[in-house]
Amino acid sequence: MKPPICAVCGKRFSPGKGEDGGTTVKFADYAPLPERRVGHPKGMVWVCSEHLEGARSHATLTTAEAIKKIREET
């Protein structure tokens, strides 16, 4: 799993820690890892709390499309 760094702005954060936290968001190109595989799944990225609402609203897009739209909107 990649460290918690926002895919939109590059901010490092502690997951779930109030306003400074964030979480992962799955986009349309999400593909889970095969069983017993370690790593970070395609289409799932860390997003800080500042960009979380935008990421969730664009979850039907691919990761690249969503990140581009979120950056344009902020």
Foldseek 3Di string as FASTA:
>chain_A
DDAQAAPQPRHHADDPPPQFHWAKAAALPWDDDPPPDDDDTARIHHHTNVQRVQCVVRRDHGPVVSSVVSNVVD
